[in-house]
């Protein structure tokens, strides 16, 4: 098995697990009615940071799996990858600011990117997953990107739903973790 295949099979499990840890620690941190600096906050945000660093690598791997049958398909997949990596970078910026308040004070994420970053990440990620579900050899079932969309929607509804969203995300990405035939597209 190639290193790309191993990475592509590990990340769909590891990333949701890190988000689950973050979500649970966020709930623990908020038990006193306040979210803020402390052990649970810092550890949770460290898991969050790791998850989005890995998401950046994961979308690059997903791009490699998308069949490059046409110039249009390659262009769309590359644009989706760039959008998702950009959005993941915005999440990393916020996590670093939460972990290091001095950084947040001196270099806050610009207001426009606060909205555009998560949207770019979600659209890029969902586009790549949809391409893997739609284009032959159909590496994902149709329900896979649908579950990933549901996980994103749960987080939009309430940050307290992050643990549930992480489990739904893991279910949505599970076919990539189980696929023993993963190879990079030519």
Protein backbone atom coordinates (compact mmCIF):
# COMPACT_ATOMS: atom_id res chain seq x y z
CA UNK A 1 0.00 0.00 0.00
CA UNK A 2 1.36 3.40 -0.94
CA UNK A 3 1.90 6.13 1.64
CA UNK A 4 -0.87 8.15 -0.05
CA UNK A 5 -3.28 5.27 0.42
CA UNK A 6 -2.27 4.82 4.07
CA UNK A 7 -2.65 8.54 4.74
CA UNK A 8 -5.98 8.69 2.94
CA UNK A 9 -7.23 5.75 5.01
CA UNK A 10 -5.98 7.09 8.37
CA UNK A 11 -7.10 10.71 8.16
CA UNK A 12 -10.85 10.02 7.77
CA UNK A 13 -10.74 8.40 11.21
CA UNK A 14 -8.14 10.58 12.93
CA UNK A 15 -9.60 13.98 11.99
CA UNK A 16 -13.13 13.28 13.29
CA UNK A 17 -11.61 11.72 16.43
CA UNK A 18 -9.64 14.92 17.09
CA UNK A 19 -12.81 16.97 16.54
CA UNK A 20 -14.69 14.66 18.91
CA UNK A 21 -12.03 15.26 21.56
CA UNK A 22 -12.28 18.99 20.97
CA UNK A 23 -16.08 18.92 21.21
CA UNK A 24 -16.10 16.92 24.44
CA UNK A 25 -13.45 19.14 26.02
CA UNK A 26 -15.41 22.21 24.91
CA UNK A 27 -18.47 20.84 26.72
CA UNK A 28 -16.37 20.09 29.81
CA UNK A 29 -14.87 23.59 29.69
CA UNK A 30 -18.33 25.14 29.48
CA UNK A 31 -19.76 23.26 32.46
CA UNK A 32 -19.09 26.26 34.68
CA UNK A 33 -21.11 28.47 32.32
CA UNK A 34 -18.06 30.06 30.72
CA UNK A 35 -15.71 29.06 27.92
CA UNK A 36 -12.23 30.32 28.44
CA UNK A 37 -8.62 29.67 29.13
CA UNK A 38 -7.87 26.64 31.23
CA UNK A 39 -6.75 23.06 30.83
CA UNK A 40 -9.84 21.82 28.95
CA UNK A 41 -9.88 24.94 26.74
CA UNK A 42 -6.20 24.68 25.82
CA UNK A 43 -6.21 20.93 25.28
CA UNK A 44 -9.42 21.10 23.27
CA UNK A 45 -8.07 23.86 21.04
CA UNK A 46 -4.88 21.88 20.53
CA UNK A 47 -7.01 18.99 19.22
CA UNK A 48 -8.94 21.46 17.04
CA UNK A 49 -5.70 22.90 15.67
CA UNK A 50 -4.35 19.43 14.88
CA UNK A 51 -7.62 18.47 13.15
CA UNK A 52 -7.51 21.44 10.82
CA UNK A 53 -3.82 21.06 10.05
CA UNK A 54 -4.64 17.49 9.03
CA UNK A 55 -7.72 18.63 7.11
CA UNK A 56 -5.37 20.73 4.97
CA UNK A 57 -3.32 17.65 4.13
CA UNK A 58 -6.45 15.54 3.68
CA UNK A 59 -7.99 17.77 1.01
CA UNK A 60 -4.73 17.65 -0.93
CA UNK A 61 -4.97 13.84 -0.84
CA UNK A 62 -8.63 13.99 -1.87
CA UNK A 63 -7.68 16.13 -4.86
CA UNK A 64 -5.22 13.46 -5.95
CA UNK A 65 -8.01 10.87 -5.87
CA UNK A 66 -10.36 12.82 -8.14
CA UNK A 67 -10.24 11.40 -11.66
CA UNK A 68 -8.57 13.87 -14.01
CA UNK A 69 -10.59 12.90 -17.08
CA UNK A 70 -11.00 16.42 -18.43
CA UNK A 71 -9.36 19.81 -18.04
CA UNK A 72 -12.62 21.06 -16.53
CA UNK A 73 -12.61 18.30 -13.92
CA UNK A 74 -8.96 18.97 -13.02
CA UNK A 75 -9.61 22.70 -12.77
CA UNK A 76 -12.72 22.26 -10.60
CA UNK A 77 -10.95 19.78 -8.31
CA UNK A 78 -7.92 22.05 -7.96
CA UNK A 79 -10.12 25.07 -7.20
CA UNK A 80 -12.02 23.06 -4.59
CA UNK A 81 -8.74 21.96 -3.00
CA UNK A 82 -7.43 25.54 -2.87
CA UNK A 83 -10.70 26.74 -1.31
CA UNK A 84 -10.66 23.98 1.31
CA UNK A 85 -6.99 24.51 2.19
CA UNK A 86 -7.59 28.28 2.43
CA UNK A 87 -10.57 27.67 4.75
CA UNK A 88 -8.62 25.20 6.86
CA UNK A 89 -5.91 27.86 7.16
CA UNK A 90 -8.50 30.31 8.50
CA UNK A 91 -9.54 27.77 11.12
CA UNK A 92 -5.88 27.27 12.07
CA UNK A 93 -5.47 31.04 12.42
CA UNK A 94 -8.46 31.21 14.80
CA UNK A 95 -7.25 28.23 16.83
CA UNK A 96 -3.79 29.74 17.20
CA UNK A 97 -5.40 33.01 18.30
CA UNK A 98 -7.47 31.14 20.90
CA UNK A 99 -4.40 29.35 22.21
CA UNK A 100 -2.19 32.44 22.14
CA UNK A 101 -4.21 35.56 23.02
CA UNK A 102 -1.26 37.83 22.21
CA UNK A 103 -1.36 36.54 18.66
CA UNK A 104 -5.10 37.15 18.46
CA UNK A 105 -4.59 40.71 19.68
CA UNK A 106 -1.73 41.50 17.31
CA UNK A 107 -2.99 39.59 14.24
CA UNK A 108 -6.73 38.88 14.44
CA UNK A 109 -8.42 37.07 11.58
CA UNK A 110 -9.91 39.80 9.37
CA UNK A 111 -13.69 40.03 9.65
CA UNK A 112 -14.40 39.00 6.07
CA UNK A 113 -12.33 35.83 6.50
CA UNK A 114 -14.28 34.91 9.63
CA UNK A 115 -17.22 34.06 7.36
CA UNK A 116 -15.46 33.33 4.07
CA UNK A 117 -12.92 30.88 5.53
CA UNK A 118 -15.36 28.33 6.96
CA UNK A 119 -17.57 28.62 3.88
CA UNK A 120 -14.60 28.08 1.54
CA UNK A 121 -13.50 25.06 3.58
CA UNK A 122 -16.94 23.48 3.54
CA UNK A 123 -17.63 24.13 -0.13
CA UNK A 124 -14.19 22.92 -1.18
CA UNK A 125 -14.38 19.77 0.92
CA UNK A 126 -17.92 18.95 -0.18
CA UNK A 127 -17.05 19.56 -3.84
CA UNK A 128 -14.13 17.13 -3.69
CA UNK A 129 -16.25 14.51 -1.92
CA UNK A 130 -19.10 14.98 -4.41
CA UNK A 131 -16.65 14.56 -7.30
CA UNK A 132 -15.41 11.32 -5.75
CA UNK A 133 -19.02 10.13 -5.43
CA UNK A 134 -20.11 11.20 -8.93
CA UNK A 135 -17.17 10.58 -11.25
CA UNK A 136 -16.21 7.05 -12.23
CA UNK A 137 -14.81 4.97 -10.60
CA UNK A 138 -17.12 6.38 -7.87
CA UNK A 139 -14.84 6.00 -4.86
CA UNK A 140 -17.56 7.16 -2.47
CA UNK A 141 -21.24 6.33 -2.09
CA UNK A 142 -23.64 9.25 -2.59
CA UNK A 143 -24.53 9.29 1.10
CA UNK A 144 -20.93 10.04 2.09
CA UNK A 145 -20.83 13.73 1.06
CA UNK A 146 -24.41 14.04 2.32
CA UNK A 147 -23.33 12.94 5.82
CA UNK A 148 -20.38 15.32 5.74
CA UNK A 149 -22.82 18.11 4.86
CA UNK A 150 -25.03 17.10 7.81
CA UNK A 151 -22.01 17.22 10.13
CA UNK A 152 -21.22 20.77 8.95
CA UNK A 153 -24.87 21.75 9.42
CA UNK A 154 -24.91 20.40 12.99
CA UNK A 155 -21.95 22.62 13.91
CA UNK A 156 -23.73 25.59 12.33
CA UNK A 157 -26.78 24.93 14.51
CA UNK A 158 -24.75 24.84 17.73
CA UNK A 159 -21.13 24.43 18.72
CA UNK A 160 -22.39 22.15 21.50
CA UNK A 161 -23.21 19.62 18.76
CA UNK A 162 -19.57 19.25 17.72
CA UNK A 163 -19.24 15.77 19.33
CA UNK A 164 -22.28 14.53 17.39
CA UNK A 165 -21.04 16.26 14.23
CA UNK A 166 -17.67 14.52 14.63
CA UNK A 167 -19.35 11.11 14.76
CA UNK A 168 -21.45 11.94 11.68
CA UNK A 169 -18.32 13.20 9.92
CA UNK A 170 -16.52 9.95 10.71
CA UNK A 171 -19.44 7.98 9.28
CA UNK A 172 -19.37 10.14 6.14
CA UNK A 173 -15.65 9.67 5.64
CA UNK A 174 -15.59 5.99 6.66
CA UNK A 175 -15.69 4.67 3.07
CA UNK A 176 -12.30 6.31 2.47
CA UNK A 177 -10.90 4.62 5.57
CA UNK A 178 -12.14 1.21 4.43
CA UNK A 179 -11.21 1.42 0.74
CA UNK A 180 -8.25 -0.92 0.26
CA UNK A 181 -7.91 -0.02 -3.41
CA UNK A 182 -7.11 3.68 -3.02
CA UNK A 183 -4.49 4.91 -5.40
CA UNK A 184 -3.85 8.34 -6.72
CA UNK A 185 -5.66 9.21 -9.91
CA UNK A 186 -3.42 9.40 -12.97
